[in-house]
Amino acid sequence: MRNLTITIVVFLFCLPVLMNSQSIINTKHNLSITSPGTVKATSESEICIFCHTPHNSSPRAPLWNKNATGTTYILYNSSTLDAVPGQPDGSSILCLSCHDGTIALGDVVSRPTSIAMTNTMTASGDLTTDLSNDHPVSFTYDAALATMDGELKTPPLLNVELDKNSKMQCTSCHDPHKDTNSKFLLASNEYSALCFSCHDKTYWSSSTHNTSTKTWNGTGTDPWSHLESAYANVSQNACANCHDSHNANGKPRLLKSLLEENNCLDCHNGNVANENIQTELAKVYRHNVYGYTGVHDPIEAISATTKHVECQDCHNPHASNANTASAPFVNGFSKGVSGVNQAGNAVSEATYTYEICYKCHAGNSWAPAPAFSRIINQNNVRLEFEPSNPSFHPVVSPRNNSEITSNLITPNTASTVLYCTDCHASNNSASVGPHGSIYPQILKMQYVTTDNTSESATNYELCYSCHNRNNIINDNNTFSEHKKHIVKEKAPCSICHDPHGISSTQGNSINNSNLINFRTGIVTPSSSGILRYEDTGVGTGRCYLTCHGENHNPQSYGGMGGMGKR
């Protein structure tokens, strides 16, 4: 009779839950023998008993039928976390009495012996006592936190329930009694609707990751294999394309993969996104994102102080979009990325694409050394592109002299401004970024720099993509002895010309117009010990040097219409 009474009382206690149209009966939280899941009791028919008991419960509401774990948990932490999580309390510690794996599912306060179960908790449900790879809980979520973070919504929140102490808990997102939205979520997370009940990411509304309807083609690695139930396309999965709220492999920021690039490349390998960036990054000359793990940090100094490169250094996944721009302005795929401006100051959002490049290529101690030794050596490209220089390629501003324009190929004009990626980009690819190339310095086309190279449209394809080959090799409106040097003497362009520019702090308009900065490994001083070029006016100049056995001491030139500043 006593057992019957207890059964009736438990039934009445649970009756509102059991009678609800979205009943626990048909969910995995029904651990009785009638459970639809694989983890269930071998004979126990009561449903609520695994969490609740009407008598002799533990001293925790609501009539909790599990003992406290007594565990100290490893908490989530990252450099971008503004909240202050404490040891789990409230409903979270109740959930963890099953989900941390320290107490058997059948161990309940109201039974002297453990209820026998058919299986143990699956890996996805076992959070363990290490919560550093799980969304933080048991922290105060209020207006002060939202203001401090800048990308959180201010309570009260839609679909998310804070506890009576204004704390974020497991039950803020999950309703343990009904599973109408998968994973017992309070609301559907399609398009990450539940995530955006709290998070308010800058730029997200126009981001491709928010709007793309691309689907996985079934080839290679499933980009959504970390999800228990994925949606069909990128926009539907939204945050979950990259993040995993529980048991994430990349603990800081809850990324699905510890290797930063893998969070991008399982989509950007041609199996979801159109372009196969993974192939480009496998080329011999590349930005080696594979060479670093755990070095990049979102709050690191904008001008990088520790050598590394990751996709996130040039792309903001929350902001990236398909909008196009004209040089030098940032295109949509690099929207929302920090940079260093032409004055050398850090900017939180780059306006010009070259500012993103300057984060690593503007005087950093580990920036790549110049490809060749020259009269003037410089590896700070910010100084090389400075508009006050004696000569420069027009990346920051248009050319400072129009004499060269008669030899430019349409649509290039005197007012043309270039992107760094007009020269440095993936070869033979729709990708316009400097991901990888078969050519040194990640050049998009061939630019042979070996001495004694036969002139051809192929060998100097990069130069000839802007400069008129016919005019150059036939001395039309250009340096009057280009043909002799390039065709007959087989001297590559790089012997005389330094392609980025010559800093005004090192060079001058007399010796360094026209990007003249001789390679000292090939060009040596003249018989009088002088090594320099002198611009003597429009179309005229002279050289003091020895090259290919020829002593210029000096050699004067006339008819040099293209020898003005570039």
Protein backbone atom coordinates (compact mmCIF):
# COMPACT_ATOMS: atom_id res chain seq x y z
CA MET A 1 0.00 0.00 0.00
CA ARG A 2 2.89 2.38 0.85
CA ASN A 3 4.50 1.89 -2.57
CA LEU A 4 1.18 2.46 -4.25
CA THR A 5 0.72 5.70 -2.31
CA ILE A 6 4.16 6.96 -3.34
CA THR A 7 3.47 6.07 -6.95
CA ILE A 8 0.20 7.99 -6.89
CA VAL A 9 1.83 11.04 -5.25
CA VAL A 10 4.70 11.05 -7.77
CA PHE A 11 2.20 10.69 -10.57
CA LEU A 12 0.18 13.64 -9.28
CA PHE A 13 3.39 15.67 -8.82
CA CYS A 14 4.40 15.03 -12.41
CA LEU A 15 0.90 15.16 -13.85
CA PRO A 16 1.12 18.72 -15.24
CA VAL A 17 4.32 17.80 -17.07
CA LEU A 18 2.99 14.46 -18.30
CA MET A 19 -0.30 15.96 -19.50
CA ASN A 20 1.43 18.80 -21.34
CA SER A 21 1.04 18.41 -25.10
CA GLN A 22 4.84 18.66 -25.34
CA SER A 23 5.37 15.93 -22.77
CA ILE A 24 8.69 14.69 -21.41
CA ILE A 25 7.42 11.17 -22.12
CA ASN A 26 8.59 11.27 -25.72
CA THR A 27 11.99 12.81 -25.02
CA LYS A 28 15.39 11.44 -23.99
CA HIS A 29 14.80 12.86 -20.51
CA ASN A 30 12.32 10.08 -20.01
CA LEU A 31 14.84 7.64 -18.59
CA SER A 32 12.26 5.02 -17.66
CA ILE A 33 11.88 1.74 -19.49
CA THR A 34 9.38 3.48 -21.78
CA SER A 35 12.01 5.94 -23.06
CA PRO A 36 12.30 6.45 -26.83
CA GLY A 37 16.05 6.81 -26.38
CA THR A 38 18.83 4.28 -25.97
CA VAL A 39 19.76 5.41 -22.45
CA LYS A 40 17.00 4.08 -20.20
CA ALA A 41 16.18 1.92 -17.23
CA THR A 42 16.00 -1.83 -17.55
CA SER A 43 12.77 -2.09 -15.57
CA GLU A 44 11.91 1.21 -13.83
CA SER A 45 8.57 2.57 -15.07
CA GLU A 46 8.49 5.87 -13.16
CA ILE A 47 9.50 8.87 -15.25
CA CYS A 48 9.94 11.85 -12.93
CA ILE A 49 11.88 9.87 -10.32
CA PHE A 50 15.20 10.39 -12.08
CA CYS A 51 15.07 14.07 -11.11
CA HIS A 52 12.26 14.58 -8.59
CA THR A 53 10.76 12.89 -5.54
CA PRO A 54 7.81 14.04 -3.41
CA HIS A 55 9.43 12.94 -0.13
CA ASN A 56 12.90 12.92 1.37
CA SER A 57 14.41 14.90 -1.48
CA SER A 58 17.83 16.53 -1.32
CA PRO A 59 17.69 20.08 0.14
CA ARG A 60 17.43 21.61 -3.30
CA ALA A 61 14.35 22.71 -5.18
CA PRO A 62 12.36 21.48 -6.94
CA LEU A 63 12.19 18.33 -4.75
CA TRP A 64 15.49 17.22 -6.25
CA ASN A 65 16.18 13.50 -6.22
CA LYS A 66 19.95 13.63 -6.82
CA ASN A 67 22.82 14.32 -4.47
CA ALA A 68 25.19 17.23 -4.98
CA THR A 69 28.27 16.21 -6.91
CA GLY A 70 30.68 18.12 -4.67
CA THR A 71 32.76 18.76 -7.78
CA THR A 72 34.88 21.80 -8.56
CA TYR A 73 34.46 22.51 -12.25
CA ILE A 74 36.95 23.91 -14.74
CA LEU A 75 35.20 26.99 -16.07
CA TYR A 76 35.04 28.51 -19.54
CA ASN A 77 37.52 31.29 -20.08
CA SER A 78 38.74 33.36 -23.00
CA SER A 79 40.37 36.71 -23.67
CA THR A 80 37.08 38.02 -25.09
CA LEU A 81 34.89 37.02 -22.14
CA ASP A 82 33.40 39.96 -20.25
CA ALA A 83 31.08 37.94 -18.02
CA VAL A 84 32.40 36.43 -14.78
CA PRO A 85 31.20 32.82 -14.51
CA GLY A 86 31.26 31.24 -11.08
CA GLN A 87 31.05 27.63 -10.04
CA PRO A 88 27.72 26.30 -11.37
CA ASP A 89 24.74 27.04 -9.16
CA GLY A 90 20.97 27.25 -9.49
CA SER A 91 19.46 25.03 -12.14
CA SER A 92 22.85 24.48 -13.77
CA ILE A 93 24.22 22.46 -10.88
CA LEU A 94 21.04 20.38 -10.98
CA CYS A 95 21.54 19.61 -14.66
CA LEU A 96 25.16 18.72 -14.03
CA SER A 97 24.16 16.11 -11.48
CA CYS A 98 23.52 13.97 -14.55
CA HIS A 99 25.52 15.70 -17.24
CA ASP A 100 28.97 15.89 -15.63
CA GLY A 101 29.37 12.10 -15.55
CA THR A 102 30.27 11.90 -11.84
CA ILE A 103 26.99 10.41 -10.64
CA ALA A 104 25.32 7.44 -12.32
CA LEU A 105 21.98 8.26 -13.95
CA GLY A 106 20.23 5.71 -11.77
CA ASP A 107 21.65 7.01 -8.48
CA VAL A 108 18.73 8.81 -6.86
CA VAL A 109 18.14 9.89 -3.28
CA SER A 110 14.80 8.11 -2.91
CA ARG A 111 16.13 4.63 -3.73
CA PRO A 112 18.56 2.70 -1.57
CA THR A 113 20.10 1.10 -4.64
CA SER A 114 20.84 2.51 -8.05
CA ILE A 115 18.26 2.07 -10.78
CA ALA A 116 19.73 -0.25 -13.42
CA MET A 117 20.25 1.38 -16.83
CA THR A 118 20.82 -0.09 -20.30
CA ASN A 119 23.45 2.42 -21.42
CA THR A 120 25.53 5.31 -20.16
CA MET A 121 25.41 8.95 -21.28
CA THR A 122 26.58 9.54 -24.83
CA ALA A 123 29.59 11.75 -25.49
CA SER A 124 27.43 14.66 -26.66
CA GLY A 125 25.49 14.67 -23.40
CA ASP A 126 28.43 14.06 -21.06
CA LEU A 127 29.85 17.52 -20.40
CA THR A 128 32.34 16.14 -17.84
CA THR A 129 33.65 18.38 -15.07
CA ASP A 130 35.65 20.37 -17.61
CA LEU A 131 33.27 23.13 -18.67
CA SER A 132 35.96 25.16 -20.42
CA ASN A 133 34.59 23.97 -23.78
CA ASP A 134 30.96 24.74 -22.95
CA HIS A 135 28.92 27.94 -23.08
CA PRO A 136 29.45 29.68 -19.71
CA VAL A 137 26.68 29.55 -17.10
CA SER A 138 26.00 30.88 -13.62
CA PHE A 139 27.00 34.46 -14.36
CA THR A 140 25.02 37.66 -13.90
CA TYR A 141 23.59 38.92 -17.17
CA ASP A 142 22.40 42.49 -16.75
CA ALA A 143 22.52 45.86 -18.48
CA ALA A 144 26.00 46.53 -17.14
CA LEU A 145 27.36 43.38 -18.79
CA ALA A 146 25.62 44.20 -22.08
CA THR A 147 27.13 47.68 -22.07
CA MET A 148 30.61 46.42 -21.21
CA ASP A 149 30.57 43.79 -23.96
CA GLY A 150 29.02 45.95 -26.66
CA GLU A 151 27.68 42.98 -28.62
CA LEU A 152 25.09 41.66 -26.16
CA LYS A 153 21.43 42.60 -25.96
CA THR A 154 20.14 44.26 -22.84
CA PRO A 155 17.66 42.24 -20.71
CA PRO A 156 14.78 41.45 -20.76
CA LEU A 157 15.59 38.94 -23.49
CA LEU A 158 13.34 37.28 -26.04
CA ASN A 159 13.17 33.45 -25.81
CA VAL A 160 15.92 33.29 -23.17
CA GLU A 161 15.05 32.99 -19.47
CA LEU A 162 17.39 34.31 -16.78
CA ASP A 163 16.88 32.94 -13.29
CA LYS A 164 15.52 34.93 -10.33
CA ASN A 165 19.01 36.25 -9.65
CA SER A 166 19.38 37.49 -13.26
CA LYS A 167 21.85 34.72 -13.96
CA MET A 168 22.38 32.81 -17.16
CA GLN A 169 21.85 29.11 -16.45
CA CYS A 170 21.36 25.90 -18.43
CA THR A 171 17.62 26.53 -18.25
CA SER A 172 18.08 29.91 -19.91
CA CYS A 173 18.35 28.03 -23.19
CA HIS A 174 17.03 24.54 -22.39
CA ASP A 175 13.66 23.31 -21.10
CA PRO A 176 14.36 19.86 -19.66
CA HIS A 177 10.70 18.79 -19.93
CA LYS A 178 10.06 19.26 -23.64
CA ASP A 179 12.07 18.83 -26.79
CA THR A 180 10.07 20.51 -29.51
CA ASN A 181 13.08 22.44 -30.82
CA SER A 182 15.79 19.74 -30.61
CA LYS A 183 18.28 19.59 -27.73
CA PHE A 184 15.47 20.75 -25.42
CA LEU A 185 15.97 24.34 -26.61
CA LEU A 186 13.47 26.96 -25.49
CA ALA A 187 13.10 28.15 -29.08
CA SER A 188 14.23 27.12 -32.51
CA ASN A 189 17.85 27.92 -33.28
CA GLU A 190 17.33 27.96 -37.04
CA TYR A 191 19.22 30.99 -38.36
CA SER A 192 20.71 31.01 -34.82
CA ALA A 193 17.58 32.72 -33.55
CA LEU A 194 18.20 31.54 -29.98
CA CYS A 195 21.85 32.70 -30.08
CA PHE A 196 20.74 36.12 -31.25
CA SER A 197 18.34 36.39 -28.34
CA CYS A 198 21.47 37.43 -26.42
CA HIS A 199 24.21 38.09 -28.96
CA ASP A 200 24.11 41.13 -31.21
CA LYS A 201 27.14 40.81 -33.50
CA THR A 202 28.23 43.93 -35.35
CA TYR A 203 27.89 43.65 -39.15
CA TRP A 204 26.04 40.32 -38.95
CA SER A 205 22.90 41.42 -40.79
CA SER A 206 24.83 41.90 -44.06
CA SER A 207 27.29 39.06 -43.57
CA THR A 208 27.42 36.29 -46.16
CA HIS A 209 27.35 33.78 -43.31
CA ASN A 210 23.95 35.21 -42.44
CA THR A 211 22.55 35.35 -45.97
CA SER A 212 24.14 32.50 -47.94
CA THR A 213 21.90 29.63 -49.02
CA LYS A 214 24.86 27.45 -50.01
CA THR A 215 24.58 23.78 -49.14
CA TRP A 216 27.20 21.07 -48.70
CA ASN A 217 27.68 19.05 -51.90
CA GLY A 218 28.34 15.84 -50.00
CA THR A 219 32.03 15.69 -50.91
CA GLY A 220 34.84 15.61 -48.36
CA THR A 221 34.29 16.48 -44.72
CA ASP A 222 30.79 17.36 -43.60
CA PRO A 223 31.13 20.96 -42.34
CA TRP A 224 28.27 20.39 -39.93
CA SER A 225 29.36 17.03 -38.52
CA HIS A 226 29.77 18.65 -35.10
CA LEU A 227 26.04 19.32 -34.97
CA GLU A 228 23.59 16.73 -33.70
CA SER A 229 20.96 18.07 -36.09
CA ALA A 230 22.20 20.46 -38.77
CA TYR A 231 20.08 22.57 -41.07
CA ALA A 232 20.44 22.45 -44.84
CA ASN A 233 22.41 25.59 -45.64
CA VAL A 234 24.85 28.18 -44.34
CA SER A 235 22.35 30.84 -43.31
CA GLN A 236 20.17 28.35 -41.46
CA ASN A 237 23.12 27.05 -39.44
CA ALA A 238 24.47 30.59 -38.96
CA CYS A 239 26.60 30.66 -35.77
CA ALA A 240 26.73 26.87 -35.73
CA ASN A 241 28.71 26.84 -38.97
CA CYS A 242 31.76 27.56 -36.83
CA HIS A 243 30.72 27.33 -33.18
CA ASP A 244 29.64 24.52 -30.90
CA SER A 245 27.96 25.49 -27.64
CA HIS A 246 28.97 22.27 -25.85
CA ASN A 247 32.13 20.14 -25.98
CA ALA A 248 33.76 22.48 -28.50
CA ASN A 249 37.21 21.47 -29.71
CA GLY A 250 38.41 25.06 -29.88
CA LYS A 251 37.73 26.06 -26.28
CA PRO A 252 38.23 29.83 -26.46
CA ARG A 253 35.28 31.18 -28.43
CA LEU A 254 33.77 27.66 -28.63
CA LEU A 255 34.98 26.89 -32.15
CA LYS A 256 34.22 23.51 -33.66
CA SER A 257 37.92 22.93 -34.42
CA LEU A 258 41.05 23.68 -32.40
CA LEU A 259 42.93 24.43 -35.64
CA GLU A 260 41.66 27.88 -36.56
CA GLU A 261 41.81 27.39 -40.33
CA ASN A 262 39.73 24.21 -40.17
CA ASN A 263 36.76 26.25 -38.98
CA CYS A 264 36.88 27.96 -42.37
CA LEU A 265 38.25 25.43 -44.80
CA ASP A 266 35.63 22.70 -44.46
CA CYS A 267 33.32 25.14 -46.28
CA HIS A 268 35.88 27.16 -48.24
CA ASN A 269 37.23 24.13 -50.06
CA GLY A 270 34.81 24.23 -52.97
CA ASN A 271 32.32 21.90 -51.29
CA VAL A 272 30.11 24.68 -49.90
CA ALA A 273 31.58 28.04 -50.98
CA ASN A 274 32.36 28.46 -54.67
CA GLU A 275 36.08 29.07 -54.36
CA ASN A 276 38.51 26.40 -53.18
CA ILE A 277 40.72 28.39 -50.82
CA GLN A 278 42.09 25.20 -49.30
CA THR A 279 43.82 24.37 -52.58
CA GLU A 280 45.36 27.83 -52.76
CA LEU A 281 46.72 27.53 -49.22
CA ALA A 282 48.46 24.28 -50.18
CA LYS A 283 50.65 25.97 -52.80
CA VAL A 284 54.35 26.39 -52.23
CA TYR A 285 54.19 30.20 -51.79
CA ARG A 286 51.38 31.06 -49.41
CA HIS A 287 50.19 32.69 -46.27
CA ASN A 288 50.88 29.67 -44.09
CA VAL A 289 47.83 29.46 -41.86
CA TYR A 290 48.76 25.87 -41.05
CA GLY A 291 51.97 26.94 -39.36
CA TYR A 292 50.36 28.45 -36.26
CA THR A 293 47.84 27.27 -33.69
CA GLY A 294 46.58 29.25 -30.73
CA VAL A 295 48.77 32.29 -31.48
CA HIS A 296 46.16 34.60 -33.00
CA ASP A 297 43.94 36.31 -30.46
CA PRO A 298 41.06 38.70 -31.25
CA ILE A 299 42.36 41.22 -28.73
CA GLU A 300 46.00 41.10 -29.82
CA ALA A 301 47.78 44.29 -30.82
CA ILE A 302 46.59 45.43 -34.25
CA SER A 303 50.16 45.72 -35.48
CA ALA A 304 51.08 42.09 -34.92
CA THR A 305 53.90 41.62 -32.41
CA THR A 306 54.05 37.82 -32.61
CA LYS A 307 54.61 36.19 -35.97
CA HIS A 308 51.56 34.32 -37.23
CA VAL A 309 48.88 34.38 -39.87
CA GLU A 310 45.33 33.05 -39.67
CA CYS A 311 42.25 33.54 -41.82
CA GLN A 312 40.88 35.86 -39.12
CA ASP A 313 43.80 38.27 -39.56
CA CYS A 314 42.38 39.32 -42.94
CA HIS A 315 38.73 38.26 -42.69
CA ASN A 316 36.02 38.91 -40.12
CA PRO A 317 33.62 35.95 -40.37
CA HIS A 318 30.82 37.96 -38.77
CA ALA A 319 31.20 40.79 -41.30
CA SER A 320 32.50 39.29 -44.55
CA ASN A 321 30.18 39.84 -47.50
CA ALA A 322 30.12 39.82 -51.30
CA ASN A 323 30.09 43.58 -51.80
CA THR A 324 32.76 44.89 -54.18
CA ALA A 325 34.74 48.11 -54.03
CA SER A 326 37.36 49.96 -56.04
CA ALA A 327 40.99 50.40 -55.03
CA PRO A 328 42.08 51.26 -52.49
CA PHE A 329 38.84 50.70 -50.51
CA VAL A 330 38.20 47.49 -48.60
CA ASN A 331 36.08 44.90 -50.38
CA GLY A 332 33.26 43.11 -48.60
CA PHE A 333 35.28 39.96 -47.95
CA SER A 334 37.59 41.95 -45.66
CA LYS A 335 34.90 44.07 -44.03
CA GLY A 336 35.29 44.75 -40.33
CA VAL A 337 39.01 43.91 -40.15
CA SER A 338 41.52 46.02 -38.23
CA GLY A 339 44.55 47.66 -39.82
CA VAL A 340 47.40 50.14 -39.67
CA ASN A 341 46.94 53.37 -41.63
CA GLN A 342 49.47 55.18 -43.80
CA ALA A 343 50.52 57.31 -40.82
CA GLY A 344 51.42 54.14 -38.91
CA ASN A 345 48.47 54.31 -36.51
CA ALA A 346 46.31 51.34 -35.60
CA VAL A 347 42.69 51.51 -36.75
CA SER A 348 39.95 49.21 -35.45
CA GLU A 349 38.37 48.94 -38.89
CA ALA A 350 40.42 49.31 -42.05
CA THR A 351 39.08 51.68 -44.70
CA TYR A 352 41.71 50.75 -47.28
CA THR A 353 42.88 47.24 -48.10
CA TYR A 354 46.57 48.10 -47.78
CA GLU A 355 45.92 48.94 -44.12
CA ILE A 356 45.20 45.26 -43.48
CA CYS A 357 48.49 44.28 -45.14
CA TYR A 358 50.34 46.82 -43.02
CA LYS A 359 49.47 44.90 -39.84
CA CYS A 360 52.28 42.51 -40.71
CA HIS A 361 54.22 44.16 -43.54
CA ALA A 362 54.95 47.60 -42.11
CA GLY A 363 58.22 47.23 -40.27
CA ASN A 364 57.47 44.24 -38.05
CA SER A 365 60.73 42.62 -36.94
CA TRP A 366 59.73 39.33 -38.55
CA ALA A 367 58.30 40.78 -41.77
CA PRO A 368 59.71 39.09 -44.90
CA ALA A 369 63.10 40.40 -45.94
CA PRO A 370 63.45 42.06 -49.36
CA ALA A 371 63.71 39.54 -52.16
CA PHE A 372 67.05 41.02 -53.27
CA SER A 373 69.84 43.12 -51.89
CA ARG A 374 69.65 46.61 -53.42
CA ILE A 375 71.40 49.95 -53.04
CA ILE A 376 68.53 50.88 -50.72
CA ASN A 377 67.04 48.02 -48.71
CA GLN A 378 63.63 48.34 -47.12
CA ASN A 379 61.03 45.81 -45.93
CA ASN A 380 58.49 48.28 -44.56
CA VAL A 381 55.96 48.51 -47.38
CA ARG A 382 54.18 51.42 -45.68
CA LEU A 383 57.30 53.51 -46.25
CA GLU A 384 57.71 52.18 -49.79
CA PHE A 385 54.18 53.26 -50.81
CA GLU A 386 54.29 56.69 -49.18
CA PRO A 387 52.93 59.28 -51.70
CA SER A 388 55.81 61.69 -50.94
CA ASN A 389 58.35 59.14 -52.21
CA PRO A 390 60.48 59.83 -55.28
CA SER A 391 58.68 56.94 -56.99
CA PHE A 392 56.17 54.26 -56.01
CA HIS A 393 53.55 51.94 -57.40
CA PRO A 394 50.17 53.64 -56.87
CA VAL A 395 48.74 51.63 -53.99
CA VAL A 396 48.06 54.47 -51.56
CA SER A 397 47.53 57.24 -54.12
CA PRO A 398 47.79 57.81 -57.88
CA ARG A 399 51.20 58.20 -59.52
CA ASN A 400 53.06 61.42 -58.76
CA ASN A 401 54.00 61.87 -62.43
CA SER A 402 52.05 61.08 -65.59
CA GLU A 403 54.98 60.43 -67.96
CA ILE A 404 54.56 56.68 -67.62
CA THR A 405 50.89 56.70 -68.62
CA SER A 406 51.52 56.49 -72.37
CA ASN A 407 52.76 52.95 -71.77
CA LEU A 408 49.90 51.75 -69.58
CA ILE A 409 47.33 49.28 -70.82
CA THR A 410 43.66 50.23 -70.57
CA PRO A 411 41.98 50.68 -68.13
CA ASN A 412 45.09 51.95 -66.31
CA THR A 413 45.51 55.74 -66.39
CA ALA A 414 47.39 58.44 -64.51
CA SER A 415 44.71 58.35 -61.81
CA THR A 416 44.70 54.56 -61.36
CA VAL A 417 45.14 53.22 -57.84
CA LEU A 418 46.00 49.56 -57.30
CA TYR A 419 45.31 46.94 -54.67
CA CYS A 420 48.25 45.02 -53.22
CA THR A 421 46.33 42.03 -54.55
CA ASP A 422 46.63 43.27 -58.12
CA CYS A 423 50.11 41.76 -57.90
CA HIS A 424 50.00 39.50 -54.86
CA ALA A 425 47.18 36.98 -55.21
CA SER A 426 46.44 33.37 -56.00
CA ASN A 427 47.52 32.46 -59.52
CA ASN A 428 45.01 31.09 -62.02
CA SER A 429 42.19 31.37 -59.50
CA ALA A 430 38.93 33.20 -59.02
CA SER A 431 40.24 34.02 -55.54
CA VAL A 432 41.57 37.57 -55.55
CA GLY A 433 43.29 37.21 -52.18
CA PRO A 434 46.94 36.41 -51.47
CA HIS A 435 46.22 32.90 -50.26
CA GLY A 436 48.77 30.95 -52.26
CA SER A 437 50.59 30.87 -55.58
CA ILE A 438 53.05 28.85 -57.59
CA TYR A 439 55.10 32.04 -57.96
CA PRO A 440 57.43 33.56 -55.31
CA GLN A 441 56.12 36.37 -53.13
CA ILE A 442 52.60 35.01 -53.76
CA LEU A 443 52.49 36.75 -57.13
CA LYS A 444 49.42 36.21 -59.27
CA MET A 445 51.43 35.99 -62.51
CA GLN A 446 54.96 35.07 -63.50
CA TYR A 447 57.68 37.61 -62.84
CA VAL A 448 61.06 36.04 -63.59
CA THR A 449 63.91 37.69 -61.73
CA THR A 450 66.77 35.42 -62.76
CA ASP A 451 69.55 37.18 -64.67
CA ASN A 452 70.04 36.23 -68.31
CA THR A 453 66.34 35.49 -68.79
CA SER A 454 64.99 35.59 -72.34
CA GLU A 455 62.34 38.26 -72.72
CA SER A 456 58.82 36.96 -73.38
CA ALA A 457 55.23 37.82 -72.61
CA THR A 458 55.17 34.82 -70.29
CA ASN A 459 58.34 35.53 -68.32
CA TYR A 460 57.26 39.08 -67.49
CA GLU A 461 53.52 38.46 -67.51
CA LEU A 462 52.99 40.38 -64.26
CA CYS A 463 54.63 43.57 -65.56
CA TYR A 464 52.94 43.27 -68.92
CA SER A 465 49.52 42.98 -67.32
CA CYS A 466 49.70 46.78 -66.86
CA HIS A 467 52.63 47.99 -68.98
CA ASN A 468 52.52 47.88 -72.78
CA ARG A 469 54.98 45.18 -73.86
CA ASN A 470 55.19 46.38 -77.47
CA ASN A 471 56.17 49.89 -76.44
CA ILE A 472 58.72 48.67 -73.93
CA ILE A 473 60.60 46.16 -76.09
CA ASN A 474 60.50 48.45 -79.13
CA ASP A 475 61.53 51.61 -77.26
CA ASN A 476 58.30 53.44 -78.12
CA ASN A 477 57.63 56.38 -75.77
CA THR A 478 59.80 54.77 -73.16
CA PHE A 479 63.42 54.34 -72.06
CA SER A 480 65.35 54.38 -75.32
CA GLU A 481 67.37 51.26 -74.50
CA HIS A 482 64.80 48.97 -72.94
CA LYS A 483 65.12 46.63 -75.91
CA LYS A 484 68.90 46.44 -75.60
CA HIS A 485 68.75 45.64 -71.91
CA ILE A 486 65.69 43.36 -71.73
CA VAL A 487 65.85 41.60 -75.11
CA LYS A 488 69.50 41.60 -76.12
CA GLU A 489 71.23 41.62 -72.75
CA LYS A 490 68.52 39.45 -71.13
CA ALA A 491 68.38 41.66 -68.07
CA PRO A 492 65.18 41.14 -66.04
CA CYS A 493 63.07 44.10 -64.96
CA SER A 494 64.06 43.56 -61.34
CA ILE A 495 67.72 44.42 -61.96
CA CYS A 496 66.89 48.11 -62.21
CA HIS A 497 63.37 48.51 -60.79
CA ASP A 498 62.28 48.07 -57.19
CA PRO A 499 58.54 47.37 -57.61
CA HIS A 500 57.01 48.74 -54.39
CA GLY A 501 58.79 52.07 -54.22
CA ILE A 502 61.67 53.91 -52.63
CA SER A 503 61.16 55.60 -49.29
CA SER A 504 61.68 59.34 -49.20
CA THR A 505 63.69 58.82 -46.00
CA GLN A 506 66.26 56.84 -48.01
CA GLY A 507 66.04 57.92 -51.63
CA ASN A 508 65.50 61.06 -53.67
CA SER A 509 63.98 62.16 -56.97
CA ILE A 510 67.37 62.47 -58.67
CA ASN A 511 68.60 58.92 -58.02
CA ASN A 512 65.38 57.01 -57.47
CA SER A 513 62.75 58.16 -59.91
CA ASN A 514 61.16 55.47 -62.09
CA LEU A 515 61.52 52.93 -59.26
CA ILE A 516 65.27 52.77 -59.95
CA ASN A 517 67.08 50.93 -57.15
CA PHE A 518 69.75 48.63 -58.55
CA ARG A 519 70.25 45.03 -57.40
CA THR A 520 73.73 44.94 -55.91
CA GLY A 521 74.13 41.23 -56.53
CA ILE A 522 74.19 41.92 -60.27
CA VAL A 523 74.97 45.62 -60.66
CA THR A 524 78.31 46.77 -59.23
CA PRO A 525 80.11 50.15 -59.08
CA SER A 526 81.66 51.67 -62.17
CA SER A 527 85.40 51.85 -62.75
CA SER A 528 85.45 55.02 -60.68
CA GLY A 529 83.72 53.28 -57.74
CA ILE A 530 80.32 54.94 -58.25
CA LEU A 531 76.99 53.07 -58.27
CA ARG A 532 73.99 55.28 -58.94
CA TYR A 533 71.42 56.48 -61.44
CA GLU A 534 70.86 60.18 -62.08
CA ASP A 535 67.66 61.63 -63.48
CA THR A 536 68.78 64.67 -65.47
CA GLY A 537 65.36 65.77 -66.65
CA VAL A 538 62.38 64.63 -68.68
CA GLY A 539 63.59 61.93 -71.03
CA THR A 540 67.24 62.08 -69.99
CA GLY A 541 69.48 60.42 -67.44
CA ARG A 542 72.79 58.67 -66.81
CA CYS A 543 74.08 55.62 -64.98
CA TYR A 544 77.32 54.96 -63.09
CA LEU A 545 77.68 51.19 -62.80
CA THR A 546 79.08 47.96 -64.14
CA CYS A 547 76.62 45.35 -65.38
CA HIS A 548 77.08 42.33 -67.65
CA GLY A 549 80.70 43.41 -68.16
CA GLU A 550 79.71 46.86 -69.37
CA ASN A 551 81.29 49.84 -67.59
CA HIS A 552 79.05 52.91 -67.41
CA ASN A 553 81.13 55.75 -66.04
CA PRO A 554 78.71 57.30 -66.80
CA GLN A 555 76.46 56.19 -69.61
CA SER A 556 74.03 58.93 -70.65
CA TYR A 557 70.62 58.34 -72.18
CA GLY A 558 68.23 60.52 -74.12
CA GLY A 559 64.72 60.04 -75.49
CA MET A 560 63.56 58.60 -72.19
CA GLY A 561 59.94 59.67 -72.21
CA GLY A 562 59.06 56.89 -69.81
CA MET A 563 61.87 57.61 -67.40
CA GLY A 564 59.91 60.14 -65.41
CA LYS A 565 58.53 59.30 -61.98
CA ARG A 566 56.10 56.42 -61.80
